[in-house]
Amino acid sequence: MSKDYSSKLPSEYRPISMWGYFGYQILFAIPVVGWIFIIIFALSADNINLRNFARSQFCIFIIWFAVLMVGAVTGVLSSMFEAMLH
């Protein structure tokens, strides 16, 4: 006999379903719109689980951005694009 305690929790503590995480991850993967939603959810989501998930996605975005900037500054990206074109 399983008991569902999540219905008794306040809305800000309710867990997100697996399909919820899946859908949010697809939403956050959209290039510009997803980034805007990441910032909105990371700063103002009522559900703590959604806010923390958006913050983790935002951290991943910042890490990728930093890696791309280091690659662009060192010229690695330009040499990769040049190699792809020839």
PDB file of N, CA and C in Angstrom:
ATOM      1  N   MET A   1       0.837  -1.153   0.000  1.00  0.00           N
ATOM      2  CA  MET A   1       0.000   0.000   0.000  1.00  0.00           C
ATOM      3  C   MET A   1       0.900   1.240   0.000  1.00  0.00           C
ATOM      4  N   SER A   2       0.839   2.036  -1.054  1.00  0.00           N
ATOM      5  CA  SER A   2       1.670   3.225  -1.122  1.00  0.00           C
ATOM      6  C   SER A   2       0.835   4.450  -0.773  1.00  0.00           C
ATOM      7  N   LYS A   3       1.461   5.347  -0.060  1.00  0.00           N
ATOM      8  CA  LYS A   3       0.787   6.576   0.331  1.00  0.00           C
ATOM      9  C   LYS A   3       1.426   7.733  -0.423  1.00  0.00           C
ATOM     10  N   ASP A   4       0.581   8.613  -0.925  1.00  0.00           N
ATOM     11  CA  ASP A   4       1.067   9.769  -1.666  1.00  0.00           C
ATOM     12  C   ASP A   4       1.052  10.982  -0.736  1.00  0.00           C
ATOM     13  N   TYR A   5       2.220  11.282  -0.200  1.00  0.00           N
ATOM     14  CA  TYR A   5       2.325  12.402   0.725  1.00  0.00           C
ATOM     15  C   TYR A   5       2.498  13.733  -0.002  1.00  0.00           C
ATOM     16  N   SER A   6       2.817  13.708  -1.292  1.00  0.00           N
ATOM     17  CA  SER A   6       3.081  14.952  -1.997  1.00  0.00           C
ATOM     18  C   SER A   6       1.836  15.819  -2.118  1.00  0.00           C
ATOM     19  N   SER A   7       0.644  15.224  -2.085  1.00  0.00           N
ATOM     20  CA  SER A   7      -0.572  16.028  -2.174  1.00  0.00           C
ATOM     21  C   SER A   7      -0.822  16.816  -0.898  1.00  0.00           C
ATOM     22  N   LYS A   8      -0.207  16.418   0.204  1.00  0.00           N
ATOM     23  CA  LYS A   8      -0.377  17.118   1.476  1.00  0.00           C
ATOM     24  C   LYS A   8       0.663  18.213   1.687  1.00  0.00           C
ATOM     25  N   LEU A   9       1.671  18.277   0.825  1.00  0.00           N
ATOM     26  CA  LEU A   9       2.713  19.284   0.943  1.00  0.00           C
ATOM     27  C   LEU A   9       2.220  20.626   0.402  1.00  0.00           C
ATOM     28  N   PRO A  10       2.753  21.720   0.918  1.00  0.00           N
ATOM     29  CA  PRO A  10       2.450  23.021   0.311  1.00  0.00           C
ATOM     30  C   PRO A  10       2.972  23.061  -1.122  1.00  0.00           C
ATOM     31  N   SER A  11       2.378  23.896  -1.955  1.00  0.00           N
ATOM     32  CA  SER A  11       2.724  23.910  -3.385  1.00  0.00           C
ATOM     33  C   SER A  11       4.190  24.241  -3.630  1.00  0.00           C
ATOM     34  N   GLU A  12       4.815  25.024  -2.764  1.00  0.00           N
ATOM     35  CA  GLU A  12       6.215  25.373  -3.012  1.00  0.00           C
ATOM     36  C   GLU A  12       7.178  24.232  -2.727  1.00  0.00           C
ATOM     37  N   TYR A  13       6.699  23.164  -2.075  1.00  0.00           N
ATOM     38  CA  TYR A  13       7.556  22.013  -1.771  1.00  0.00           C
ATOM     39  C   TYR A  13       7.175  20.757  -2.544  1.00  0.00           C
ATOM     40  N   ARG A  14       6.156  20.813  -3.380  1.00  0.00           N
ATOM     41  CA  ARG A  14       5.728  19.621  -4.114  1.00  0.00           C
ATOM     42  C   ARG A  14       6.802  19.203  -5.120  1.00  0.00           C
ATOM     43  N   PRO A  15       7.068  17.919  -5.194  1.00  0.00           N
ATOM     44  CA  PRO A  15       8.076  17.458  -6.157  1.00  0.00           C
ATOM     45  C   PRO A  15       7.578  17.596  -7.595  1.00  0.00           C
ATOM     46  N   ILE A  16       8.532  17.735  -8.491  1.00  0.00           N
ATOM     47  CA  ILE A  16       8.221  17.804  -9.917  1.00  0.00           C
ATOM     48  C   ILE A  16       8.280  16.385 -10.459  1.00  0.00           C
ATOM     49  N   SER A  17       7.336  16.044 -11.323  1.00  0.00           N
ATOM     50  CA  SER A  17       7.312  14.694 -11.889  1.00  0.00           C
ATOM     51  C   SER A  17       8.457  14.510 -12.879  1.00  0.00           C
ATOM     52  N   MET A  18       8.693  13.275 -13.250  1.00  0.00           N
ATOM     53  CA  MET A  18       9.731  12.970 -14.227  1.00  0.00           C
ATOM     54  C   MET A  18       9.414  13.656 -15.552  1.00  0.00           C
ATOM     55  N   TRP A  19       8.154  13.645 -15.958  1.00  0.00           N
ATOM     56  CA  TRP A  19       7.765  14.297 -17.207  1.00  0.00           C
ATOM     57  C   TRP A  19       7.893  15.809 -17.084  1.00  0.00           C
ATOM     58  N   GLY A  20       7.715  16.328 -15.886  1.00  0.00           N
ATOM     59  CA  GLY A  20       7.914  17.757 -15.665  1.00  0.00           C
ATOM     60  C   GLY A  20       9.361  18.152 -15.899  1.00  0.00           C
ATOM     61  N   TYR A  21      10.291  17.389 -15.322  1.00  0.00           N
ATOM     62  CA  TYR A  21      11.713  17.656 -15.552  1.00  0.00           C
ATOM     63  C   TYR A  21      12.061  17.519 -17.036  1.00  0.00           C
ATOM     64  N   PHE A  22      11.512  16.515 -17.668  1.00  0.00           N
ATOM     65  CA  PHE A  22      11.763  16.291 -19.093  1.00  0.00           C
ATOM     66  C   PHE A  22      11.283  17.492 -19.919  1.00  0.00           C
ATOM     67  N   GLY A  23      10.072  17.950 -19.625  1.00  0.00           N
ATOM     68  CA  GLY A  23       9.521  19.091 -20.359  1.00  0.00           C
ATOM     69  C   GLY A  23      10.291  20.377 -20.106  1.00  0.00           C
ATOM     70  N   TYR A  24      10.663  20.611 -18.848  1.00  0.00           N
ATOM     71  CA  TYR A  24      11.447  21.811 -18.549  1.00  0.00           C
ATOM     72  C   TYR A  24      12.808  21.762 -19.218  1.00  0.00           C
ATOM     73  N   GLN A  25      13.413  20.587 -19.294  1.00  0.00           N
ATOM     74  CA  GLN A  25      14.716  20.478 -19.943  1.00  0.00           C
ATOM     75  C   GLN A  25      14.604  20.775 -21.440  1.00  0.00           C
ATOM     76  N   ILE A  26      13.533  20.316 -22.070  1.00  0.00           N
ATOM     77  CA  ILE A  26      13.315  20.644 -23.482  1.00  0.00           C
ATOM     78  C   ILE A  26      13.076  22.141 -23.642  1.00  0.00           C
ATOM     79  N   LEU A  27      12.268  22.721 -22.753  1.00  0.00           N
ATOM     80  CA  LEU A  27      12.003  24.163 -22.806  1.00  0.00           C
ATOM     81  C   LEU A  27      13.292  24.959 -22.636  1.00  0.00           C
ATOM     82  N   PHE A  28      14.132  24.574 -21.686  1.00  0.00           N
ATOM     83  CA  PHE A  28      15.369  25.303 -21.430  1.00  0.00           C
ATOM     84  C   PHE A  28      16.389  25.124 -22.551  1.00  0.00           C
ATOM     85  N   ALA A  29      16.228  24.113 -23.393  1.00  0.00           N
ATOM     86  CA  ALA A  29      17.170  23.868 -24.488  1.00  0.00           C
ATOM     87  C   ALA A  29      16.900  24.746 -25.706  1.00  0.00           C
ATOM     88  N   ILE A  30      15.754  25.407 -25.762  1.00  0.00           N
ATOM     89  CA  ILE A  30      15.451  26.309 -26.876  1.00  0.00           C
ATOM     90  C   ILE A  30      16.380  27.514 -26.761  1.00  0.00           C
ATOM     91  N   PRO A  31      17.101  27.862 -27.836  1.00  0.00           N
ATOM     92  CA  PRO A  31      18.183  28.833 -27.714  1.00  0.00           C
ATOM     93  C   PRO A  31      17.886  30.143 -26.981  1.00  0.00           C
ATOM     94  N   VAL A  32      17.034  30.987 -27.421  1.00  0.00           N
ATOM     95  CA  VAL A  32      16.866  32.281 -26.758  1.00  0.00           C
ATOM     96  C   VAL A  32      15.710  32.246 -25.762  1.00  0.00           C
ATOM     97  N   VAL A  33      14.606  31.668 -26.171  1.00  0.00           N
ATOM     98  CA  VAL A  33      13.426  31.604 -25.304  1.00  0.00           C
ATOM     99  C   VAL A  33      13.721  30.783 -24.052  1.00  0.00           C
ATOM    100  N   GLY A  34      14.419  29.695 -24.199  1.00  0.00           N
ATOM    101  CA  GLY A  34      14.761  28.847 -23.066  1.00  0.00           C
ATOM    102  C   GLY A  34      15.655  29.554 -22.068  1.00  0.00           C
ATOM    103  N   TRP A  35      16.590  30.343 -22.567  1.00  0.00           N
ATOM    104  CA  TRP A  35      17.491  31.074 -21.674  1.00  0.00           C
ATOM    105  C   TRP A  35      16.712  32.104 -20.861  1.00  0.00           C
ATOM    106  N   ILE A  36      15.736  32.741 -21.502  1.00  0.00           N
ATOM    107  CA  ILE A  36      14.902  33.706 -20.779  1.00  0.00           C
ATOM    108  C   ILE A  36      14.101  32.991 -19.698  1.00  0.00           C
ATOM    109  N   PHE A  37      13.527  31.827 -20.030  1.00  0.00           N
ATOM    110  CA  PHE A  37      12.772  31.065 -19.043  1.00  0.00           C
ATOM    111  C   PHE A  37      13.667  30.577 -17.906  1.00  0.00           C
ATOM    112  N   ILE A  38      14.901  30.201 -18.210  1.00  0.00           N
ATOM    113  CA  ILE A  38      15.832  29.791 -17.155  1.00  0.00           C
ATOM    114  C   ILE A  38      16.014  30.917 -16.150  1.00  0.00           C
ATOM    115  N   ILE A  39      16.235  32.115 -16.643  1.00  0.00           N
ATOM    116  CA  ILE A  39      16.447  33.253 -15.748  1.00  0.00           C
ATOM    117  C   ILE A  39      15.191  33.552 -14.942  1.00  0.00           C
ATOM    118  N   ILE A  40      14.030  33.526 -15.601  1.00  0.00           N
ATOM    119  CA  ILE A  40      12.778  33.805 -14.897  1.00  0.00           C
ATOM    120  C   ILE A  40      12.523  32.770 -13.812  1.00  0.00           C
ATOM    121  N   PHE A  41      12.636  31.489 -14.151  1.00  0.00           N
ATOM    122  CA  PHE A  41      12.370  30.436 -13.167  1.00  0.00           C
ATOM    123  C   PHE A  41      13.423  30.416 -12.061  1.00  0.00           C
ATOM    124  N   ALA A  42      14.680  30.709 -12.396  1.00  0.00           N
ATOM    125  CA  ALA A  42      15.741  30.697 -11.385  1.00  0.00           C
ATOM    126  C   ALA A  42      15.556  31.810 -10.358  1.00  0.00           C
ATOM    127  N   LEU A  43      14.947  32.895 -10.768  1.00  0.00           N
ATOM    128  CA  LEU A  43      14.787  34.022  -9.857  1.00  0.00           C
ATOM    129  C   LEU A  43      13.431  34.066  -9.157  1.00  0.00           C
ATOM    130  N   SER A  44      12.375  33.540  -9.820  1.00  0.00           N
ATOM    131  CA  SER A  44      11.053  33.800  -9.246  1.00  0.00           C
ATOM    132  C   SER A  44      10.084  32.621  -9.244  1.00  0.00           C
ATOM    133  N   ALA A  45      10.546  31.417  -9.427  1.00  0.00           N
ATOM    134  CA  ALA A  45       9.628  30.273  -9.399  1.00  0.00           C
ATOM    135  C   ALA A  45       9.126  30.041  -7.981  1.00  0.00           C
ATOM    136  N   ASP A  46       7.842  29.756  -7.846  1.00  0.00           N
ATOM    137  CA  ASP A  46       7.264  29.503  -6.526  1.00  0.00           C
ATOM    138  C   ASP A  46       7.706  28.161  -5.962  1.00  0.00           C
ATOM    139  N   ASN A  47       7.843  27.163  -6.828  1.00  0.00           N
ATOM    140  CA  ASN A  47       8.236  25.831  -6.395  1.00  0.00           C
ATOM    141  C   ASN A  47       9.756  25.789  -6.214  1.00  0.00           C
ATOM    142  N   ILE A  48      10.194  25.388  -5.057  1.00  0.00           N
ATOM    143  CA  ILE A  48      11.631  25.362  -4.748  1.00  0.00           C
ATOM    144  C   ILE A  48      12.374  24.372  -5.646  1.00  0.00           C
ATOM    145  N   ASN A  49      11.734  23.241  -5.952  1.00  0.00           N
ATOM    146  CA  ASN A  49      12.382  22.245  -6.813  1.00  0.00           C
ATOM    147  C   ASN A  49      12.597  22.792  -8.215  1.00  0.00           C
ATOM    148  N   LEU A  50      11.608  23.492  -8.756  1.00  0.00           N
ATOM    149  CA  LEU A  50      11.745  24.088 -10.082  1.00  0.00           C
ATOM    150  C   LEU A  50      12.800  25.196 -10.065  1.00  0.00           C
ATOM    151  N   ARG A  51      12.812  26.001  -9.017  1.00  0.00           N
ATOM    152  CA  ARG A  51      13.800  27.072  -8.904  1.00  0.00           C
ATOM    153  C   ARG A  51      15.214  26.506  -8.868  1.00  0.00           C
ATOM    154  N   ASN A  52      15.429  25.442  -8.095  1.00  0.00           N
ATOM    155  CA  ASN A  52      16.761  24.834  -8.020  1.00  0.00           C
ATOM    156  C   ASN A  52      17.154  24.173  -9.331  1.00  0.00           C
ATOM    157  N   PHE A  53      16.194  23.546 -10.016  1.00  0.00           N
ATOM    158  CA  PHE A  53      16.499  22.939 -11.315  1.00  0.00           C
ATOM    159  C   PHE A  53      16.885  24.017 -12.324  1.00  0.00           C
ATOM    160  N   ALA A  54      16.155  25.132 -12.332  1.00  0.00           N
ATOM    161  CA  ALA A  54      16.492  26.224 -13.248  1.00  0.00           C
ATOM    162  C   ALA A  54      17.856  26.814 -12.914  1.00  0.00           C
ATOM    163  N   ARG A  55      18.175  26.905 -11.639  1.00  0.00           N
ATOM    164  CA  ARG A  55      19.488  27.420 -11.248  1.00  0.00           C
ATOM    165  C   ARG A  55      20.611  26.487 -11.689  1.00  0.00           C
ATOM    166  N   SER A  56      20.369  25.180 -11.621  1.00  0.00           N
ATOM    167  CA  SER A  56      21.394  24.237 -12.080  1.00  0.00           C
ATOM    168  C   SER A  56      21.579  24.343 -13.590  1.00  0.00           C
ATOM    169  N   GLN A  57      20.485  24.519 -14.327  1.00  0.00           N
ATOM    170  CA  GLN A  57      20.591  24.692 -15.776  1.00  0.00           C
ATOM    171  C   GLN A  57      21.306  26.001 -16.115  1.00  0.00           C
ATOM    172  N   PHE A  58      21.065  27.037 -15.309  1.00  0.00           N
ATOM    173  CA  PHE A  58      21.732  28.316 -15.507  1.00  0.00           C
ATOM    174  C   PHE A  58      23.240  28.179 -15.277  1.00  0.00           C
ATOM    175  N   CYS A  59      23.629  27.402 -14.271  1.00  0.00           N
ATOM    176  CA  CYS A  59      25.057  27.156 -14.017  1.00  0.00           C
ATOM    177  C   CYS A  59      25.700  26.420 -15.188  1.00  0.00           C
ATOM    178  N   ILE A  60      24.993  25.447 -15.740  1.00  0.00           N
ATOM    179  CA  ILE A  60      25.507  24.737 -16.914  1.00  0.00           C
ATOM    180  C   ILE A  60      25.661  25.694 -18.087  1.00  0.00           C
ATOM    181  N   PHE A  61      24.676  26.588 -18.274  1.00  0.00           N
ATOM    182  CA  PHE A  61      24.747  27.584 -19.337  1.00  0.00           C
ATOM    183  C   PHE A  61      25.974  28.476 -19.159  1.00  0.00           C
ATOM    184  N   ILE A  62      26.242  28.925 -17.943  1.00  0.00           N
ATOM    185  CA  ILE A  62      27.394  29.790 -17.678  1.00  0.00           C
ATOM    186  C   ILE A  62      28.704  29.050 -17.949  1.00  0.00           C
ATOM    187  N   ILE A  63      28.780  27.782 -17.565  1.00  0.00           N
ATOM    188  CA  ILE A  63      29.995  26.990 -17.807  1.00  0.00           C
ATOM    189  C   ILE A  63      30.239  26.837 -19.304  1.00  0.00           C
ATOM    190  N   TRP A  64      29.188  26.509 -20.074  1.00  0.00           N
ATOM    191  CA  TRP A  64      29.341  26.373 -21.527  1.00  0.00           C
ATOM    192  C   TRP A  64      29.743  27.703 -22.161  1.00  0.00           C
ATOM    193  N   PHE A  65      29.148  28.783 -21.691  1.00  0.00           N
ATOM    194  CA  PHE A  65      29.487  30.098 -22.221  1.00  0.00           C
ATOM    195  C   PHE A  65      30.955  30.419 -21.941  1.00  0.00           C
ATOM    196  N   ALA A  66      31.435  30.113 -20.745  1.00  0.00           N
ATOM    197  CA  ALA A  66      32.832  30.368 -20.397  1.00  0.00           C
ATOM    198  C   ALA A  66      33.770  29.525 -21.258  1.00  0.00           C
ATOM    199  N   VAL A  67      33.413  28.260 -21.471  1.00  0.00           N
ATOM    200  CA  VAL A  67      34.242  27.384 -22.317  1.00  0.00           C
ATOM    201  C   VAL A  67      34.294  27.920 -23.745  1.00  0.00           C
ATOM    202  N   LEU A  68      33.164  28.368 -24.268  1.00  0.00           N
ATOM    203  CA  LEU A  68      33.148  28.930 -25.626  1.00  0.00           C
ATOM    204  C   LEU A  68      33.966  30.212 -25.719  1.00  0.00           C
ATOM    205  N   MET A  69      33.899  31.051 -24.694  1.00  0.00           N
ATOM    206  CA  MET A  69      34.676  32.292 -24.704  1.00  0.00           C
ATOM    207  C   MET A  69      36.176  32.010 -24.637  1.00  0.00           C
ATOM    208  N   VAL A  70      36.576  31.061 -23.823  1.00  0.00           N
ATOM    209  CA  VAL A  70      37.997  30.695 -23.748  1.00  0.00           C
ATOM    210  C   VAL A  70      38.438  30.137 -25.104  1.00  0.00           C
ATOM    211  N   GLY A  71      37.600  29.310 -25.719  1.00  0.00           N
ATOM    212  CA  GLY A  71      37.935  28.776 -27.045  1.00  0.00           C
ATOM    213  C   GLY A  71      38.017  29.856 -28.095  1.00  0.00           C
ATOM    214  N   ALA A  72      37.132  30.845 -28.021  1.00  0.00           N
ATOM    215  CA  ALA A  72      37.160  31.934 -28.996  1.00  0.00           C
ATOM    216  C   ALA A  72      38.386  32.823 -28.796  1.00  0.00           C
ATOM    217  N   VAL A  73      38.727  33.103 -27.568  1.00  0.00           N
ATOM    218  CA  VAL A  73      39.872  33.973 -27.286  1.00  0.00           C
ATOM    219  C   VAL A  73      41.183  33.301 -27.680  1.00  0.00           C
ATOM    220  N   THR A  74      41.288  32.007 -27.437  1.00  0.00           N
ATOM    221  CA  THR A  74      42.537  31.320 -27.765  1.00  0.00           C
ATOM    222  C   THR A  74      42.644  30.936 -29.230  1.00  0.00           C
ATOM    223  N   GLY A  75      41.598  31.097 -29.976  1.00  0.00           N
ATOM    224  CA  GLY A  75      41.642  30.794 -31.402  1.00  0.00           C
ATOM    225  C   GLY A  75      41.316  29.353 -31.735  1.00  0.00           C
ATOM    226  N   VAL A  76      40.964  28.566 -30.763  1.00  0.00           N
ATOM    227  CA  VAL A  76      40.653  27.156 -30.998  1.00  0.00           C
ATOM    228  C   VAL A  76      39.413  27.032 -31.868  1.00  0.00           C
ATOM    229  N   LEU A  77      38.417  27.849 -31.593  1.00  0.00           N
ATOM    230  CA  LEU A  77      37.176  27.759 -32.366  1.00  0.00           C
ATOM    231  C   LEU A  77      37.382  28.147 -33.824  1.00  0.00           C
ATOM    232  N   SER A  78      38.177  29.172 -34.065  1.00  0.00           N
ATOM    233  CA  SER A  78      38.397  29.584 -35.453  1.00  0.00           C
ATOM    234  C   SER A  78      39.146  28.507 -36.228  1.00  0.00           C
ATOM    235  N   SER A  79      40.098  27.851 -35.588  1.00  0.00           N
ATOM    236  CA  SER A  79      40.817  26.779 -36.289  1.00  0.00           C
ATOM    237  C   SER A  79      39.905  25.573 -36.521  1.00  0.00           C
ATOM    238  N   MET A  80      38.967  25.319 -35.587  1.00  0.00           N
ATOM    239  CA  MET A  80      38.025  24.208 -35.786  1.00  0.00           C
ATOM    240  C   MET A  80      37.093  24.501 -36.953  1.00  0.00           C
ATOM    241  N   PHE A  81      36.571  25.723 -37.039  1.00  0.00           N
ATOM    242  CA  PHE A  81      35.682  26.100 -38.140  1.00  0.00           C
ATOM    243  C   PHE A  81      36.428  26.081 -39.459  1.00  0.00           C
ATOM    244  N   GLU A  82      37.664  26.510 -39.434  1.00  0.00           N
ATOM    245  CA  GLU A  82      38.477  26.508 -40.655  1.00  0.00           C
ATOM    246  C   GLU A  82      38.720  25.074 -41.133  1.00  0.00           C
ATOM    247  N   ALA A  83      38.964  24.175 -40.205  1.00  0.00           N
ATOM    248  CA  ALA A  83      39.188  22.773 -40.560  1.00  0.00           C
ATOM    249  C   ALA A  83      37.916  22.138 -41.103  1.00  0.00           C
ATOM    250  N   MET A  84      36.768  22.540 -40.599  1.00  0.00           N
ATOM    251  CA  MET A  84      35.505  21.987 -41.100  1.00  0.00           C
ATOM    252  C   MET A  84      35.192  22.455 -42.506  1.00  0.00           C
ATOM    253  N   LEU A  85      35.586  23.661 -42.849  1.00  0.00           N
ATOM    254  CA  LEU A  85      35.277  24.207 -44.158  1.00  0.00           C
ATOM    255  C   LEU A  85      36.197  23.668 -45.245  1.00  0.00           C
ATOM    256  N   HIS A  86      37.341  23.151 -44.880  1.00  0.00           N
ATOM    257  CA  HIS A  86      38.283  22.653 -45.902  1.00  0.00           C
ATOM    258  C   HIS A  86      38.364  21.178 -45.886  1.00  0.00           C
TER     259      HIS A  86
END
